[in-house]
Amino acid sequence: MSLPTDDLNRRDFLKIGGAAVAAGASTLSSVRATEAQTTTLPVAPPIPLVRIGMVGIGLQGGSHLENFLKVPGCRITAVCDVRQERTDWATQQVVAAGHPAPRAYTRGPRDFVRLCETEDLDLVFTATPWEWHVPVLLAAMANGKHGATEVPAAMTIEDCWKLVESAETHRRHCVMMENCNYDRPEMMVFHIVRQGLLGEILHVEGGYLHDLREIKFEKKDEGLWRRAWATKLDGNLYPTHGLGPIANCLDINRGDRFDYLVSMSGPSRGLYDWAREHFPADAPERREQYVLGDVNTSLIRTVRGRTVMVQHCTNLPRPYSRIHQVQGTRGIFQGYPNRLYIEGRSAPHRWTDGAEALRDYDHPLWKDLEARAAGAGHGGMDYIEDYRLIKCLREGLPTDMNVYDAAALSAVVELSVRSNASRARTVDFPDFTRGRWRSFPPLGIVGV
């Protein structure tokens, strides 16, 4: 799966995709036509009914499966998991929704390869442990399927490049499903930024600050694999929740890109303390050696000179936060708790409460989909994320997040590890777009 060496092949891919969008634009509404004008972004021919193969049907995979059963224009036709009880559950859900039973793949951890080789699918969706994201996506694209994955898309720079090269070679979408891009406050802030109300955006902050100690030591689900990463890497292992929404506000890969990063971690204490307090002295958990610092802070500078702070903390007691701060020349939004200040609109030197801001600046997509998203995972944002993916595939539109975004955000994992290991030395981001970030159009405000 080598990448074509001449730029002409890549340009042809983009032109072909652009023609597919233009061909269908006359039948779209004004909002859809606006989306279809993004002819320089990777697209594919429209798919009237998106046939999906689900790989990994744990907590998050099961949630996505339930969403897809409610999203118009898609069918789950294959399911894969190492536990047959999970494929049995998935089959029951699909049949209960009135659809034919999907084919089940349960012959071990690599049975997704057989699924990709034999099933007539349009999309392979993986919600597996992190180390399996790239193998599933590569198998999907090599066999003519689009790929979508839970976060992060990859844990190394090498794997980020593999995804980019495979997507370009096989001309398939490779989408990282960053659900926090679709949370209501994040979409409201994006709406505010797109209207220019915060002025020029100069600095943003995001993070993933979530006490996961109990989950990491469970004998099931993420407890079976996630804690092991703390014995291997010291950096920001989960950057995309906080970084995705603020990267959109900066037009990353669409007029700007991440240039370089510095990162440092503090000591590792939280997992040791939890093990000591919850397990007997002879328990194997008490003998584990952790290298992951409890708090990692990374600073990123973009090519256009804007600054980004992104943090990671999952091993200490604390309430949940993604920080979510966007500072512009005319105002600022700050999350947890949500509050907004716009010069000339807010009372001088006084915050506007987040609920009041939402009444004035709610994103139209949330207004359109609020009822449908009710009860879905993570407050409804998971449904909106899944809805948008299927809509773009059905209408032949560029996906909201593409393979270049998946690579740029996921690259923070390895870059933060490398910088932290070298006393916060500056490390450069690869340009996964190979210069096309200068001409890729920005994301727009979309509705149903």
Protein backbone atom coordinates (compact mmCIF):
# COMPACT_ATOMS: atom_id res chain seq x y z
CA MET A 1 0.00 0.00 0.00
CA SER A 2 2.58 2.54 -1.05
CA LEU A 3 1.63 6.12 -1.77
CA PRO A 4 1.88 7.33 -5.38
CA THR A 5 5.02 9.42 -5.67
CA ASP A 6 3.74 12.04 -8.08
CA ASP A 7 1.44 14.85 -7.00
CA LEU A 8 -0.61 14.45 -10.19
CA ASN A 9 -2.25 11.31 -8.80
CA ARG A 10 -3.32 13.16 -5.68
CA ARG A 11 -4.60 16.13 -7.66
CA ASP A 12 -6.57 13.76 -9.88
CA PHE A 13 -8.15 12.25 -6.77
CA LEU A 14 -9.27 15.65 -5.57
CA LYS A 15 -10.56 16.67 -9.00
CA ILE A 16 -12.52 13.45 -9.39
CA GLY A 17 -14.03 13.96 -5.94
CA GLY A 18 -14.87 17.55 -6.75
CA ALA A 19 -16.67 16.52 -9.91
CA ALA A 20 -18.76 14.04 -7.95
CA VAL A 21 -19.87 16.79 -5.58
CA ALA A 22 -20.64 19.24 -8.38
CA ALA A 23 -22.72 16.67 -10.24
CA GLY A 24 -25.14 16.37 -7.34
CA ALA A 25 -25.13 19.98 -6.20
CA SER A 26 -28.11 21.05 -8.30
CA THR A 27 -30.43 18.83 -6.28
CA LEU A 28 -29.32 20.09 -2.89
CA SER A 29 -30.70 22.83 -0.71
CA SER A 30 -28.77 26.07 -0.27
CA VAL A 31 -27.08 24.74 2.85
CA ARG A 32 -26.11 21.53 1.07
CA ALA A 33 -24.92 23.45 -1.96
CA THR A 34 -22.67 25.51 0.30
CA GLU A 35 -21.15 22.32 1.66
CA ALA A 36 -20.75 20.88 -1.84
CA GLN A 37 -18.61 23.80 -2.96
CA THR A 38 -15.68 22.41 -0.94
CA THR A 39 -14.30 20.71 -4.04
CA THR A 40 -10.67 20.59 -2.89
CA LEU A 41 -11.39 18.32 0.07
CA PRO A 42 -11.47 14.51 -0.28
CA VAL A 43 -14.94 13.28 -1.21
CA ALA A 44 -16.43 10.11 -2.65
CA PRO A 45 -19.49 9.32 -4.78
CA PRO A 46 -22.81 9.42 -2.89
CA ILE A 47 -23.99 6.24 -1.18
CA PRO A 48 -27.82 6.06 -1.01
CA LEU A 49 -27.80 3.37 1.71
CA VAL A 50 -24.63 3.13 3.80
CA ARG A 51 -23.87 -0.47 4.77
CA ILE A 52 -21.83 -0.60 7.98
CA GLY A 53 -19.59 -3.21 9.56
CA MET A 54 -19.04 -2.63 13.29
CA VAL A 55 -15.73 -3.82 14.78
CA GLY A 56 -15.61 -3.70 18.56
CA ILE A 57 -18.99 -3.64 20.28
CA GLY A 58 -18.12 -2.65 23.81
CA LEU A 59 -19.57 0.31 25.68
CA GLN A 60 -18.86 2.96 23.04
CA GLY A 61 -19.24 0.64 20.08
CA GLY A 62 -22.62 -0.47 21.39
CA SER A 63 -23.68 3.15 21.79
CA HIS A 64 -22.74 3.93 18.19
CA LEU A 65 -24.61 0.84 17.00
CA GLU A 66 -27.78 2.05 18.71
CA ASN A 67 -27.32 5.48 17.11
CA PHE A 68 -26.91 4.06 13.61
CA LEU A 69 -30.15 2.13 14.02
CA LYS A 70 -31.87 5.53 14.38
CA VAL A 71 -30.00 7.46 11.68
CA PRO A 72 -31.77 7.47 8.31
CA GLY A 73 -30.05 5.90 5.33
CA CYS A 74 -27.78 3.28 6.89
CA ARG A 75 -27.84 -0.41 7.82
CA ILE A 76 -25.59 -2.50 10.05
CA THR A 77 -24.88 -5.61 8.01
CA ALA A 78 -21.84 -7.08 9.82
CA VAL A 79 -20.60 -7.10 13.42
CA CYS A 80 -17.25 -8.20 14.84
CA ASP A 81 -16.01 -8.70 18.40
CA VAL A 82 -13.79 -11.14 20.26
CA ARG A 83 -16.76 -11.84 22.57
CA GLN A 84 -19.65 -13.65 20.95
CA GLU A 85 -22.02 -12.34 23.62
CA ARG A 86 -21.46 -8.85 22.22
CA THR A 87 -22.15 -9.84 18.62
CA ASP A 88 -25.23 -11.72 19.87
CA TRP A 89 -26.39 -8.53 21.63
CA ALA A 90 -25.72 -6.48 18.50
CA THR A 91 -27.67 -8.91 16.36
CA GLN A 92 -30.62 -8.68 18.72
CA GLN A 93 -30.60 -4.89 18.51
CA VAL A 94 -30.46 -4.88 14.70
CA VAL A 95 -33.27 -7.41 14.34
CA ALA A 96 -35.40 -5.61 16.93
CA ALA A 97 -35.06 -2.46 14.81
CA GLY A 98 -36.66 -4.33 11.90
CA HIS A 99 -33.52 -5.04 9.84
CA PRO A 100 -32.01 -8.35 8.67
CA ALA A 101 -29.58 -9.99 11.08
CA PRO A 102 -25.97 -8.94 10.46
CA ARG A 103 -23.25 -11.48 9.77
CA ALA A 104 -21.15 -12.04 12.91
CA TYR A 105 -17.34 -12.35 13.05
CA THR A 106 -15.98 -13.77 16.30
CA ARG A 107 -12.92 -15.86 15.39
CA GLY A 108 -10.39 -13.89 17.40
CA PRO A 109 -8.84 -10.43 17.46
CA ARG A 110 -8.00 -10.30 13.73
CA ASP A 111 -11.29 -11.57 12.37
CA PHE A 112 -11.98 -8.01 11.22
CA VAL A 113 -9.66 -8.78 8.30
CA ARG A 114 -12.04 -11.50 7.11
CA LEU A 115 -14.93 -9.09 7.55
CA CYS A 116 -13.20 -6.48 5.39
CA GLU A 117 -12.24 -9.01 2.74
CA THR A 118 -15.58 -10.75 2.39
CA GLU A 119 -18.40 -8.36 3.28
CA ASP A 120 -20.00 -6.00 0.77
CA LEU A 121 -19.77 -2.86 2.93
CA ASP A 122 -19.44 0.88 2.49
CA LEU A 123 -18.10 1.74 5.96
CA VAL A 124 -16.12 -0.11 8.62
CA PHE A 125 -16.45 1.47 12.05
CA THR A 126 -14.04 0.53 14.83
CA ALA A 127 -14.48 1.12 18.55
CA THR A 128 -11.70 -1.19 19.67
CA PRO A 129 -8.79 -0.59 22.09
CA TRP A 130 -6.35 2.02 20.77
CA GLU A 131 -3.75 -0.37 19.36
CA TRP A 132 -6.32 -1.89 16.97
CA HIS A 133 -7.57 1.34 15.39
CA VAL A 134 -4.95 1.53 12.65
CA PRO A 135 -5.01 -2.18 11.69
CA VAL A 136 -8.80 -2.09 11.29
CA LEU A 137 -8.75 1.14 9.26
CA LEU A 138 -5.98 -0.11 6.96
CA ALA A 139 -7.82 -3.38 6.34
CA ALA A 140 -11.02 -1.48 5.58
CA MET A 141 -9.46 0.94 3.08
CA ALA A 142 -7.35 -1.76 1.38
CA ASN A 143 -10.59 -3.63 0.71
CA GLY A 144 -12.47 -0.67 -0.72
CA LYS A 145 -14.34 0.46 2.39
CA HIS A 146 -14.40 3.84 4.09
CA GLY A 147 -13.10 3.75 7.65
CA ALA A 148 -14.17 5.46 10.87
CA THR A 149 -12.58 5.08 14.28
CA GLU A 150 -12.94 6.08 17.87
CA VAL A 151 -10.23 8.34 19.29
CA PRO A 152 -7.31 8.65 19.03
CA ALA A 153 -6.93 7.43 15.46
CA ALA A 154 -3.28 6.42 15.95
CA MET A 155 -0.65 6.40 18.69
CA THR A 156 2.48 7.01 16.55
CA ILE A 157 3.54 9.36 13.77
CA GLU A 158 4.34 6.37 11.58
CA ASP A 159 0.78 5.09 11.93
CA CYS A 160 -0.62 8.56 11.24
CA TRP A 161 1.25 8.56 7.94
CA LYS A 162 0.01 5.05 7.17
CA LEU A 163 -3.57 6.26 7.47
CA VAL A 164 -2.94 9.30 5.26
CA GLU A 165 -1.16 7.26 2.61
CA SER A 166 -3.79 4.52 2.60
CA ALA A 167 -6.66 7.02 2.33
CA GLU A 168 -4.95 8.75 -0.60
CA THR A 169 -3.92 5.52 -2.32
CA HIS A 170 -7.30 3.80 -2.02
CA ARG A 171 -9.32 7.02 -2.29
CA ARG A 172 -11.37 6.28 0.79
CA HIS A 173 -12.47 8.37 3.74
CA CYS A 174 -10.67 7.76 7.04
CA VAL A 175 -12.56 9.61 9.75
CA MET A 176 -11.72 10.00 13.42
CA MET A 177 -14.99 10.19 15.35
CA GLU A 178 -14.27 13.02 17.78
CA ASN A 179 -17.61 13.34 19.51
CA CYS A 180 -16.62 16.43 21.53
CA ASN A 181 -16.61 18.42 18.27
CA TYR A 182 -20.38 17.98 18.40
CA ASP A 183 -21.12 18.81 22.02
CA ARG A 184 -23.55 21.69 22.32
CA PRO A 185 -21.24 24.26 23.99
CA GLU A 186 -18.41 23.48 21.57
CA MET A 187 -20.70 23.87 18.57
CA MET A 188 -22.09 27.10 20.02
CA VAL A 189 -18.57 28.50 20.34
CA PHE A 190 -17.75 27.47 16.78
CA HIS A 191 -20.93 29.27 15.68
CA ILE A 192 -19.84 32.40 17.60
CA VAL A 193 -16.35 32.24 16.09
CA ARG A 194 -17.71 31.83 12.56
CA GLN A 195 -19.80 34.98 13.03
CA GLY A 196 -16.64 36.89 13.95
CA LEU A 197 -17.97 37.89 17.36
CA LEU A 198 -14.72 37.02 19.17
CA GLY A 199 -12.61 38.80 16.57
CA GLU A 200 -9.36 37.19 15.49
CA ILE A 201 -8.72 34.02 17.49
CA LEU A 202 -5.27 34.21 19.10
CA HIS A 203 -5.15 31.56 21.84
CA VAL A 204 -7.12 28.42 22.72
CA GLU A 205 -7.04 25.84 25.50
CA GLY A 206 -8.45 22.35 25.81
CA GLY A 207 -7.87 19.15 27.69
CA TYR A 208 -9.09 15.86 28.99
CA LEU A 209 -9.24 16.03 32.77
CA HIS A 210 -11.20 12.99 33.93
CA ASP A 211 -10.74 10.81 37.00
CA LEU A 212 -10.50 7.33 35.42
CA ARG A 213 -8.77 5.49 38.27
CA GLU A 214 -11.69 3.23 39.09
CA ILE A 215 -12.32 2.49 35.39
CA LYS A 216 -8.65 1.73 34.73
CA PHE A 217 -8.57 -0.86 37.52
CA GLU A 218 -11.81 -2.62 36.58
CA LYS A 219 -11.70 -6.26 35.53
CA LYS A 220 -13.76 -5.49 32.42
CA ASP A 221 -14.11 -3.04 29.52
CA GLU A 222 -11.36 -0.37 29.47
CA GLY A 223 -9.82 -1.81 32.61
CA LEU A 224 -8.61 -4.74 30.52
CA TRP A 225 -6.30 -2.58 28.38
CA ARG A 226 -6.21 1.15 29.10
CA ARG A 227 -4.11 1.08 32.27
CA ALA A 228 -1.32 -0.74 30.43
CA TRP A 229 -0.57 2.38 28.40
CA ALA A 230 0.46 4.14 31.61
CA THR A 231 3.32 1.64 31.89
CA LYS A 232 4.61 2.47 28.40
CA LEU A 233 4.30 6.18 27.55
CA ASP A 234 4.66 9.51 29.33
CA GLY A 235 2.89 12.30 27.50
CA ASN A 236 -0.62 13.22 26.39
CA LEU A 237 -2.15 9.86 25.52
CA TYR A 238 -5.65 11.19 24.79
CA PRO A 239 -5.44 14.67 23.28
CA THR A 240 -8.32 14.83 20.85
CA HIS A 241 -11.34 15.50 23.10
CA GLY A 242 -10.02 18.87 24.18
CA LEU A 243 -8.08 19.62 21.01
CA GLY A 244 -10.67 18.82 18.32
CA PRO A 245 -13.18 21.63 18.98
CA ILE A 246 -10.55 24.34 19.47
CA ALA A 247 -8.65 23.17 16.36
CA ASN A 248 -11.84 23.80 14.40
CA CYS A 249 -11.97 27.35 15.78
CA LEU A 250 -8.39 27.86 14.53
CA ASP A 251 -9.12 26.41 11.08
CA ILE A 252 -6.40 23.81 11.53
CA ASN A 253 -5.65 22.15 8.17
CA ARG A 254 -7.97 24.73 6.58
CA GLY A 255 -5.90 27.93 6.51
CA ASP A 256 -3.54 27.17 9.38
CA ARG A 257 -1.79 24.11 10.78
CA PHE A 258 0.04 22.95 13.88
CA ASP A 259 3.72 23.92 13.55
CA TYR A 260 5.57 22.77 16.67
CA LEU A 261 4.99 21.54 20.22
CA VAL A 262 6.63 21.52 23.63
CA SER A 263 5.44 19.24 26.41
CA MET A 264 6.19 18.28 29.98
CA SER A 265 4.72 15.91 32.56
CA GLY A 266 4.78 15.89 36.33
CA PRO A 267 5.28 12.88 38.63
CA SER A 268 3.29 9.66 38.50
CA ARG A 269 1.42 9.18 41.77
CA GLY A 270 -2.30 8.59 41.19
CA LEU A 271 -2.33 4.97 40.00
CA TYR A 272 0.19 3.91 42.66
CA ASP A 273 -1.97 5.50 45.36
CA TRP A 274 -5.14 3.89 44.05
CA ALA A 275 -3.56 0.43 43.89
CA ARG A 276 -2.16 0.76 47.40
CA GLU A 277 -5.53 1.84 48.79
CA HIS A 278 -7.67 -0.77 46.99
CA PHE A 279 -5.57 -3.94 46.61
CA PRO A 280 -3.76 -6.21 49.11
CA ALA A 281 0.02 -6.07 49.30
CA ASP A 282 0.50 -9.23 47.21
CA ALA A 283 -1.85 -8.18 44.38
CA PRO A 284 -0.24 -7.94 40.92
CA GLU A 285 -1.62 -4.40 40.56
CA ARG A 286 0.67 -3.34 43.43
CA ARG A 287 3.73 -4.44 41.43
CA GLU A 288 2.97 -2.48 38.25
CA GLN A 289 5.39 0.30 37.31
CA TYR A 290 3.90 3.44 35.78
CA VAL A 291 5.72 6.02 33.69
CA LEU A 292 2.77 8.24 32.73
CA GLY A 293 2.88 11.53 34.56
CA ASP A 294 -0.41 12.36 36.22
CA VAL A 295 -0.60 15.79 34.58
CA ASN A 296 0.81 16.52 31.14
CA THR A 297 0.78 20.00 29.64
CA SER A 298 1.61 20.65 26.01
CA LEU A 299 1.92 23.97 24.19
CA ILE A 300 1.45 24.16 20.43
CA ARG A 301 2.20 27.05 18.10
CA THR A 302 0.57 27.23 14.69
CA VAL A 303 2.14 28.41 11.46
CA ARG A 304 0.10 31.61 11.73
CA GLY A 305 1.45 32.23 15.24
CA ARG A 306 -1.57 31.31 17.34
CA THR A 307 -1.02 29.35 20.56
CA VAL A 308 -2.68 26.25 21.99
CA MET A 309 -2.52 24.73 25.46
CA VAL A 310 -3.71 21.14 25.82
CA GLN A 311 -3.66 19.09 29.04
CA HIS A 312 -4.14 15.46 30.03
CA CYS A 313 -4.98 14.20 33.53
CA THR A 314 -6.82 10.91 34.15
CA ASN A 315 -5.09 9.52 37.26
CA LEU A 316 -5.98 12.06 39.98
CA PRO A 317 -9.18 12.89 41.91
CA ARG A 318 -10.98 15.78 40.23
CA PRO A 319 -14.31 16.75 38.63
CA TYR A 320 -14.51 16.32 34.88
CA SER A 321 -13.33 19.12 32.58
CA ARG A 322 -12.23 19.68 29.01
CA ILE A 323 -11.16 23.28 29.82
CA HIS A 324 -12.42 24.64 26.45
CA GLN A 325 -11.20 28.21 26.20
CA VAL A 326 -11.19 30.36 23.06
CA GLN A 327 -9.63 33.84 23.25
CA GLY A 328 -10.01 36.38 20.48
CA THR A 329 -9.31 40.06 19.99
CA ARG A 330 -12.96 40.93 20.75
CA GLY A 331 -13.89 38.43 23.44
CA ILE A 332 -13.46 35.09 25.11
CA PHE A 333 -15.34 31.87 25.87
CA GLN A 334 -14.32 29.80 28.87
CA GLY A 335 -15.74 26.41 29.83
CA TYR A 336 -16.35 24.49 33.04
CA PRO A 337 -18.42 26.43 33.95
CA ASN A 338 -19.45 27.84 30.58
CA ARG A 339 -19.26 31.61 30.30
CA LEU A 340 -18.82 34.15 27.53
CA TYR A 341 -17.56 37.70 27.18
CA ILE A 342 -17.98 39.71 23.96
CA GLU A 343 -16.74 43.28 23.98
CA GLY A 344 -19.57 45.65 23.19
CA ARG A 345 -22.26 43.03 23.89
CA SER A 346 -21.52 41.77 27.38
CA ALA A 347 -21.63 44.06 30.41
CA PRO A 348 -18.14 45.56 30.83
CA HIS A 349 -15.81 43.17 32.67
CA ARG A 350 -18.72 40.80 33.40
CA TRP A 351 -19.21 37.26 32.18
CA THR A 352 -22.38 36.21 30.37
CA ASP A 353 -23.67 32.93 31.77
CA GLY A 354 -23.41 29.93 29.45
CA ALA A 355 -27.16 29.23 29.47
CA GLU A 356 -27.88 32.81 28.39
CA ALA A 357 -25.22 32.58 25.69
CA LEU A 358 -26.81 29.38 24.39
CA ARG A 359 -30.16 31.11 23.95
CA ASP A 360 -28.49 33.71 21.72
CA TYR A 361 -25.88 31.66 19.84
CA ASP A 362 -26.97 28.01 19.76
CA HIS A 363 -25.69 26.15 16.70
CA PRO A 364 -28.45 25.49 14.11
CA LEU A 365 -27.55 21.79 13.87
CA TRP A 366 -28.31 21.32 17.56
CA LYS A 367 -31.59 23.16 17.18
CA ASP A 368 -32.51 20.87 14.30
CA LEU A 369 -31.47 17.60 15.94
CA GLU A 370 -32.12 18.16 19.64
CA ALA A 371 -35.19 15.93 19.77
CA ARG A 372 -33.57 13.12 17.78
CA ALA A 373 -30.38 13.25 19.87
CA ALA A 374 -32.21 13.08 23.19
CA GLY A 375 -31.05 10.11 25.24
CA ALA A 376 -28.06 9.30 23.02
CA GLY A 377 -24.56 8.89 24.42
CA HIS A 378 -22.67 11.77 26.05
CA GLY A 379 -25.64 14.09 26.18
CA GLY A 380 -26.64 13.59 22.55
CA MET A 381 -23.42 14.60 20.84
CA ASP A 382 -22.70 11.01 19.80
CA TYR A 383 -25.91 10.87 17.77
CA ILE A 384 -25.15 14.16 16.02
CA GLU A 385 -21.64 12.93 15.23
CA ASP A 386 -22.98 9.70 13.71
CA TYR A 387 -25.73 11.56 11.87
CA ARG A 388 -23.21 13.89 10.22
CA LEU A 389 -20.99 11.02 9.08
CA ILE A 390 -23.85 9.20 7.40
CA LYS A 391 -25.25 12.39 5.87
CA CYS A 392 -21.89 13.24 4.28
CA LEU A 393 -21.44 9.72 2.91
CA ARG A 394 -24.97 9.61 1.51
CA GLU A 395 -24.67 12.99 -0.22
CA GLY A 396 -21.08 12.68 -1.42
CA LEU A 397 -19.91 15.59 0.75
CA PRO A 398 -16.53 16.07 2.44
CA THR A 399 -16.70 14.63 5.96
CA ASP A 400 -16.47 17.14 8.81
CA MET A 401 -13.20 15.57 9.93
CA ASN A 402 -10.93 13.88 7.38
CA VAL A 403 -7.79 11.78 7.49
CA TYR A 404 -5.53 14.85 7.73
CA ASP A 405 -7.37 16.00 10.84
CA ALA A 406 -7.22 12.52 12.33
CA ALA A 407 -3.46 12.48 11.81
CA ALA A 408 -2.76 16.02 13.03
CA LEU A 409 -4.68 15.63 16.29
CA SER A 410 -3.46 12.09 16.99
CA ALA A 411 0.15 13.11 16.34
CA VAL A 412 0.13 14.93 19.68
CA VAL A 413 0.50 11.55 21.40
CA GLU A 414 3.97 10.75 20.07
CA LEU A 415 5.11 14.37 19.85
CA SER A 416 4.25 15.01 23.50
CA VAL A 417 6.09 11.83 24.55
CA ARG A 418 9.18 12.85 22.56
CA SER A 419 9.22 16.43 23.81
CA ASN A 420 8.66 15.43 27.43
CA ALA A 421 11.45 12.85 27.25
CA SER A 422 13.90 15.52 26.07
CA ARG A 423 13.27 18.19 28.74
CA ALA A 424 10.46 19.88 26.78
CA ARG A 425 12.48 20.17 23.58
CA THR A 426 10.58 21.64 20.64
CA VAL A 427 9.33 19.01 18.18
CA ASP A 428 7.85 19.77 14.76
CA PHE A 429 4.49 18.57 13.47
CA PRO A 430 4.54 16.79 10.13
CA ASP A 431 2.47 18.48 7.45
CA PHE A 432 0.15 15.60 6.67
CA THR A 433 -1.62 17.70 4.00
CA ARG A 434 1.66 18.38 2.14
CA GLY A 435 0.85 22.06 1.83
CA ARG A 436 -2.81 21.73 0.92
CA TRP A 437 -3.85 23.24 4.27
CA ARG A 438 -3.31 26.62 2.60
CA SER A 439 -6.18 26.04 0.16
CA PHE A 440 -8.53 23.66 1.97
CA PRO A 441 -11.70 25.67 2.75
CA PRO A 442 -12.80 26.14 6.36
CA LEU A 443 -15.66 24.23 7.94
CA GLY A 444 -19.00 25.94 7.55
CA ILE A 445 -22.11 26.25 9.69
CA VAL A 446 -24.46 23.44 8.67
CA GLY A 447 -27.97 22.39 9.59
CA VAL A 448 -30.13 19.41 8.77
